[in-house]
Amino acid sequence: MQEISKDKFEIVGNSSIESEKISKASLSFWKDVFTRFKKNKLAVFGLVILILLIIMAFVGPLLTPYNYYENDLSKTNQPPSAEHFFGTDELGRDMFERIWYGAKISLFIGIAAAFIDLVIGVIWGGIAGYKGGKTDEAMMRIADVLYGIPYLLLVILLMVVLGQGIWTMILAMSITGWINMARMVRGQVLSLKSQEYILASRTLGAGVSRIMSKHLVPNAMGPILVTLTLTVPNAIFTEAFLSYLGLGLTPPLASWGTMANDGIGAMQYYPWRLFFPAMFICLTIFAFNVIGDGIRDALDPRLRK
């Protein structure tokens, strides 16, 4: 038999450097998602805006010597200046101080309402999707009935009945706000529960709570995060709309919505009173929306450009 020389076994087409690159450990799922997310410049820009808004919500009130509730009738409706960066309102209160104090309340309402929607939606949708059958049918029919009630009408009705306040507003938003999250989670669980690793866990005696917490919810976390980032701006906008109707927070509490509502009547002569709260509402909604779109695109490689 003819002996085969060693040169026949040389690697063709790859240098030693390229071979080292190929041999590197692959990225984990979430690292891969984050890498793709960073390539979306608009989403990164939105994340930077959101981080700055959160920082300023805590740092901003420390940058002025004023209090958000103190009146100074000698300085009413002053335009933006070095003394009052965002001007003053009809009671002489510093708008810069009130904007960043209001940021805490508006962001808290949005995040708290979204968190409640997340908890209820994941539990409800997860159980419905995993159990299936009559349990799924009954749970989703209840969700459908609640979804059929106009969202804003129900929120307004509850605010009128229960009274104004931060927690009342959050509760009113959460009565039906969780349904979209539940539907999304149910769909994810239905597609995942027949996977082999789920069947193996059930065979080994894992209970529903363990399978949900260890396997189903983590594997559905991507769509959950996307839905969550779109829920927060919806809650912030709802708070602003309720404030426009006069169902917002009671004075002296301030939110972007209440300040925008106060500024509408003065828009012709004192436009800064409406401009600044409206601008920060728009910036926050924009930031959350582009972050949500960035996460969605990063989770789906088919959307990569």
Protein backbone atom coordinates (compact mmCIF):
# COMPACT_ATOMS: atom_id res chain seq x y z
CA MET A 1 0.00 0.00 0.00
CA GLN A 2 1.27 3.43 -0.93
CA GLU A 3 2.16 5.58 2.09
CA ILE A 4 0.29 8.95 2.36
CA SER A 5 2.58 11.89 3.02
CA LYS A 6 1.93 14.33 5.88
CA ASP A 7 1.44 17.29 3.54
CA LYS A 8 -1.89 15.78 2.53
CA PHE A 9 -3.22 16.55 6.03
CA GLU A 10 -2.40 20.26 6.11
CA ILE A 11 -5.26 22.66 6.91
CA VAL A 12 -6.36 24.45 3.77
CA GLY A 13 -7.79 27.97 3.76
CA ASN A 14 -7.29 28.86 7.43
CA SER A 15 -4.32 30.58 8.97
CA SER A 16 -3.28 29.89 12.56
CA ILE A 17 -4.84 33.22 13.63
CA GLU A 18 -8.16 32.33 11.98
CA SER A 19 -8.07 28.92 13.63
CA GLU A 20 -7.69 30.54 17.06
CA LYS A 21 -10.70 32.75 16.36
CA ILE A 22 -12.78 29.74 15.40
CA SER A 23 -11.74 27.85 18.54
CA LYS A 24 -12.93 30.63 20.89
CA ALA A 25 -15.89 29.84 23.14
CA SER A 26 -19.23 30.95 21.71
CA LEU A 27 -21.21 33.75 23.33
CA SER A 28 -24.08 32.97 25.65
CA PHE A 29 -27.59 33.81 24.46
CA TRP A 30 -27.92 37.05 26.46
CA LYS A 31 -24.38 38.19 25.61
CA ASP A 32 -25.19 37.63 21.97
CA VAL A 33 -28.41 39.63 22.35
CA PHE A 34 -26.53 42.46 24.08
CA THR A 35 -23.90 42.49 21.34
CA ARG A 36 -26.58 42.87 18.68
CA PHE A 37 -28.42 45.45 20.79
CA LYS A 38 -25.27 47.63 20.95
CA LYS A 39 -25.17 47.74 17.17
CA ASN A 40 -28.56 49.46 17.13
CA LYS A 41 -27.46 53.07 17.60
CA LEU A 42 -30.98 54.40 18.02
CA ALA A 43 -31.77 51.90 20.78
CA VAL A 44 -28.49 52.71 22.57
CA PHE A 45 -29.33 56.41 22.27
CA GLY A 46 -32.73 55.71 23.85
CA LEU A 47 -31.07 53.80 26.69
CA VAL A 48 -28.69 56.70 27.34
CA ILE A 49 -31.64 59.12 27.46
CA LEU A 50 -33.51 56.89 29.91
CA ILE A 51 -30.47 56.53 32.18
CA LEU A 52 -29.94 60.31 32.19
CA LEU A 53 -33.61 60.92 33.01
CA ILE A 54 -33.46 58.50 35.94
CA ILE A 55 -30.24 60.07 37.24
CA MET A 56 -31.65 63.58 36.95
CA ALA A 57 -34.84 62.54 38.74
CA PHE A 58 -32.68 62.06 41.84
CA VAL A 59 -29.89 64.57 41.22
CA GLY A 60 -31.91 67.38 39.61
CA PRO A 61 -33.72 68.54 42.78
CA LEU A 62 -30.34 68.88 44.49
CA LEU A 63 -29.10 71.37 41.91
CA THR A 64 -31.39 74.20 42.99
CA PRO A 65 -32.06 75.84 46.39
CA TYR A 66 -35.86 75.75 45.86
CA ASN A 67 -38.58 73.36 47.03
CA TYR A 68 -41.21 72.05 44.65
CA TYR A 69 -44.10 73.20 46.88
CA GLU A 70 -42.86 76.65 47.98
CA ASN A 71 -44.74 79.63 46.50
CA ASP A 72 -43.17 82.98 45.68
CA LEU A 73 -45.82 85.29 44.23
CA SER A 74 -43.18 87.92 43.43
CA LYS A 75 -41.71 85.60 40.78
CA THR A 76 -44.78 84.27 38.99
CA ASN A 77 -44.52 83.14 35.35
CA GLN A 78 -40.90 84.13 34.87
CA PRO A 79 -39.27 82.82 31.68
CA PRO A 80 -36.24 80.48 31.79
CA SER A 81 -33.15 82.23 33.13
CA ALA A 82 -29.92 81.57 35.03
CA GLU A 83 -31.90 81.83 38.26
CA HIS A 84 -34.74 79.55 37.17
CA PHE A 85 -33.49 77.23 34.41
CA PHE A 86 -37.00 76.22 33.26
CA GLY A 87 -38.79 79.37 34.43
CA THR A 88 -41.52 79.55 37.10
CA ASP A 89 -45.24 78.75 37.21
CA GLU A 90 -48.29 80.78 38.22
CA LEU A 91 -47.38 80.49 41.92
CA GLY A 92 -43.72 81.38 41.46
CA ARG A 93 -42.54 77.80 41.95
CA ASP A 94 -39.30 76.79 40.25
CA MET A 95 -40.13 74.64 37.21
CA PHE A 96 -36.71 72.97 37.12
CA GLU A 97 -37.22 71.63 40.64
CA ARG A 98 -40.77 70.55 39.89
CA ILE A 99 -39.82 68.87 36.60
CA TRP A 100 -37.32 66.55 38.29
CA TYR A 101 -39.52 65.98 41.30
CA GLY A 102 -42.30 65.11 38.85
CA ALA A 103 -39.93 62.76 37.02
CA LYS A 104 -39.75 60.56 40.12
CA ILE A 105 -43.53 60.31 40.32
CA SER A 106 -44.14 59.80 36.59
CA LEU A 107 -41.41 57.15 36.27
CA PHE A 108 -42.54 55.46 39.49
CA ILE A 109 -46.14 55.26 38.27
CA GLY A 110 -45.04 53.87 34.91
CA ILE A 111 -42.62 51.31 36.32
CA ALA A 112 -44.90 50.24 39.20
CA ALA A 113 -47.89 49.74 36.89
CA ALA A 114 -45.72 47.79 34.43
CA PHE A 115 -44.31 45.62 37.24
CA ILE A 116 -47.81 44.71 38.47
CA ASP A 117 -48.84 43.91 34.89
CA LEU A 118 -45.72 41.75 34.58
CA VAL A 119 -46.39 39.72 37.74
CA ILE A 120 -50.10 39.14 37.08
CA GLY A 121 -49.61 38.57 33.35
CA VAL A 122 -46.80 36.04 33.77
CA ILE A 123 -48.66 34.06 36.43
CA TRP A 124 -52.02 34.13 34.64
CA GLY A 125 -50.70 33.48 31.14
CA GLY A 126 -48.17 30.92 32.34
CA ILE A 127 -50.74 28.81 34.20
CA ALA A 128 -53.26 29.06 31.36
CA GLY A 129 -50.73 28.03 28.73
CA TYR A 130 -49.17 25.23 30.79
CA LYS A 131 -52.41 23.67 32.04
CA GLY A 132 -54.27 23.99 28.75
CA GLY A 133 -57.69 22.45 28.22
CA LYS A 134 -60.63 23.72 30.25
CA THR A 135 -58.38 25.67 32.60
CA ASP A 136 -56.89 27.60 29.68
CA GLU A 137 -60.32 28.15 28.17
CA ALA A 138 -61.84 29.50 31.39
CA MET A 139 -58.89 31.76 32.26
CA MET A 140 -58.62 33.28 28.81
CA ARG A 141 -62.40 33.86 28.57
CA ILE A 142 -62.15 35.90 31.77
CA ALA A 143 -59.29 37.85 30.24
CA ASP A 144 -61.31 38.40 27.05
CA VAL A 145 -64.27 39.78 29.01
CA LEU A 146 -62.02 42.24 30.87
CA TYR A 147 -60.27 43.18 27.63
CA GLY A 148 -63.62 44.04 26.10
CA ILE A 149 -64.08 46.85 28.63
CA PRO A 150 -62.63 50.12 27.26
CA TYR A 151 -59.36 50.62 29.11
CA LEU A 152 -59.43 54.40 29.60
CA LEU A 153 -63.13 54.39 30.48
CA LEU A 154 -62.52 51.82 33.23
CA VAL A 155 -59.49 53.72 34.56
CA ILE A 156 -61.44 57.00 34.66
CA LEU A 157 -64.39 55.31 36.41
CA LEU A 158 -62.14 53.79 39.06
CA MET A 159 -60.35 57.10 39.64
CA VAL A 160 -63.71 58.81 40.16
CA VAL A 161 -64.94 56.09 42.55
CA LEU A 162 -61.73 55.47 44.50
CA GLY A 163 -60.42 59.02 44.52
CA GLN A 164 -57.19 60.60 43.31
CA GLY A 165 -53.76 59.40 44.38
CA ILE A 166 -50.64 57.61 43.17
CA TRP A 167 -51.63 54.12 44.32
CA THR A 168 -55.22 54.56 43.15
CA MET A 169 -53.93 55.46 39.71
CA ILE A 170 -51.58 52.47 39.61
CA LEU A 171 -54.38 50.13 40.73
CA ALA A 172 -56.76 51.53 38.13
CA MET A 173 -54.19 51.00 35.36
CA SER A 174 -53.46 47.44 36.48
CA ILE A 175 -57.06 46.16 36.53
CA THR A 176 -56.89 45.27 32.83
CA GLY A 177 -53.34 46.35 31.95
CA TRP A 178 -51.95 42.84 32.51
CA ILE A 179 -54.02 41.17 29.79
CA ASN A 180 -51.61 41.82 26.89
CA MET A 181 -48.76 40.42 28.97
CA ALA A 182 -50.84 37.34 29.86
CA ARG A 183 -51.72 36.66 26.24
CA MET A 184 -48.11 36.96 25.14
CA VAL A 185 -46.84 34.68 27.95
CA ARG A 186 -49.57 32.11 27.23
CA GLY A 187 -48.52 31.96 23.58
CA GLN A 188 -44.86 31.49 24.52
CA VAL A 189 -45.65 28.77 27.06
CA LEU A 190 -47.86 26.90 24.57
CA SER A 191 -44.97 26.78 22.11
CA LEU A 192 -42.38 25.79 24.73
CA LYS A 193 -44.17 23.23 26.91
CA SER A 194 -43.88 20.43 24.33
CA GLN A 195 -40.08 20.78 24.14
CA GLU A 196 -38.03 17.76 25.19
CA TYR A 197 -36.38 19.44 28.19
CA ILE A 198 -39.82 20.31 29.60
CA LEU A 199 -40.99 16.72 29.17
CA ALA A 200 -37.79 15.49 30.82
CA SER A 201 -38.36 17.79 33.80
CA ARG A 202 -41.91 16.52 34.20
CA THR A 203 -40.66 12.94 34.02
CA LEU A 204 -38.17 13.66 36.80
CA GLY A 205 -41.02 14.90 39.00
CA ALA A 206 -40.61 18.67 38.71
CA GLY A 207 -43.74 20.58 39.74
CA VAL A 208 -45.52 23.32 37.84
CA SER A 209 -43.89 26.14 39.81
CA ARG A 210 -40.38 24.79 39.23
CA ILE A 211 -40.94 24.21 35.52
CA MET A 212 -42.39 27.70 35.17
CA SER A 213 -39.63 29.45 37.10
CA LYS A 214 -36.66 27.41 35.84
CA HIS A 215 -37.56 26.71 32.24
CA LEU A 216 -40.64 28.35 30.73
CA VAL A 217 -40.40 31.93 32.02
CA PRO A 218 -36.60 32.27 31.45
CA ASN A 219 -36.98 31.04 27.87
CA ALA A 220 -39.82 33.50 27.27
CA MET A 221 -37.93 36.39 28.88
CA GLY A 222 -37.10 38.06 25.57
CA PRO A 223 -40.72 38.76 24.48
CA ILE A 224 -41.56 39.56 28.12
CA LEU A 225 -38.90 42.30 28.20
CA VAL A 226 -40.11 43.74 24.91
CA THR A 227 -43.70 43.87 26.18
CA LEU A 228 -42.53 45.39 29.46
CA THR A 229 -40.61 48.22 27.78
CA LEU A 230 -43.75 49.12 25.84
CA THR A 231 -45.98 48.95 28.93
CA VAL A 232 -44.07 51.61 30.89
CA PRO A 233 -44.57 54.48 28.39
CA ASN A 234 -48.23 53.51 28.04
CA ALA A 235 -48.68 53.94 31.81
CA ILE A 236 -46.83 57.29 31.76
CA PHE A 237 -49.03 58.52 28.93
CA THR A 238 -52.17 57.34 30.76
CA GLU A 239 -51.11 59.29 33.87
CA ALA A 240 -50.61 62.40 31.74
CA PHE A 241 -54.02 61.92 30.13
CA LEU A 242 -55.73 61.49 33.51
CA SER A 243 -54.03 64.67 34.71
CA TYR A 244 -55.30 66.47 31.62
CA LEU A 245 -58.83 65.42 32.64
CA GLY A 246 -58.26 66.71 36.15
CA LEU A 247 -58.06 63.20 37.63
CA GLY A 248 -54.33 63.27 38.31
CA LEU A 249 -52.48 63.85 41.53
CA THR A 250 -53.68 66.24 44.20
CA PRO A 251 -51.58 69.37 44.94
CA PRO A 252 -48.89 69.96 45.98
CA LEU A 253 -47.76 66.68 44.38
CA ALA A 254 -46.41 67.21 40.90
CA SER A 255 -45.97 64.92 37.94
CA TRP A 256 -45.20 65.66 34.31
CA GLY A 257 -48.87 65.13 33.57
CA THR A 258 -50.14 67.59 36.18
CA MET A 259 -47.59 70.22 35.10
CA ALA A 260 -48.55 69.78 31.44
CA ASN A 261 -52.19 70.15 32.40
CA ASP A 262 -51.41 73.36 34.30
CA GLY A 263 -49.40 74.67 31.37
CA ILE A 264 -52.08 74.17 28.71
CA GLY A 265 -54.12 77.15 29.85
CA ALA A 266 -51.01 79.37 29.88
CA MET A 267 -49.54 78.11 26.59
CA GLN A 268 -50.21 81.32 24.65
CA TYR A 269 -48.38 83.65 27.04
CA TYR A 270 -46.08 81.31 29.04
CA PRO A 271 -45.23 78.45 26.63
CA TRP A 272 -42.34 77.10 28.74
CA ARG A 273 -44.83 75.88 31.34
CA LEU A 274 -46.18 73.35 28.81
CA PHE A 275 -43.04 72.85 26.74
CA PHE A 276 -40.78 71.32 29.41
CA PRO A 277 -43.15 68.71 30.93
CA ALA A 278 -44.45 67.75 27.46
CA MET A 279 -40.88 67.43 26.16
CA PHE A 280 -39.85 65.06 28.96
CA ILE A 281 -42.99 62.96 28.52
CA CYS A 282 -42.16 62.60 24.82
CA LEU A 283 -38.49 61.85 25.52
CA THR A 284 -39.39 59.10 28.00
CA ILE A 285 -41.92 57.49 25.68
CA PHE A 286 -39.42 57.69 22.81
CA ALA A 287 -36.65 56.14 24.93
CA PHE A 288 -38.74 53.18 26.06
CA ASN A 289 -40.12 52.55 22.58
CA VAL A 290 -36.74 52.49 20.85
CA ILE A 291 -35.28 50.32 23.61
CA GLY A 292 -38.16 47.88 23.14
CA ASP A 293 -37.60 47.85 19.37
CA GLY A 294 -33.88 47.35 19.92
CA ILE A 295 -34.45 44.37 22.21
CA ARG A 296 -36.91 42.86 19.75
CA ASP A 297 -34.48 43.20 16.84
CA ALA A 298 -31.61 41.81 18.91
CA LEU A 299 -33.67 38.77 19.89
CA ASP A 300 -34.57 37.95 16.29
CA PRO A 301 -31.44 37.47 14.12
CA ARG A 302 -33.64 37.51 11.04
CA LEU A 303 -34.19 41.25 11.63
CA ARG A 304 -30.47 42.01 11.62
CA LYS A 305 -29.34 44.23 8.75
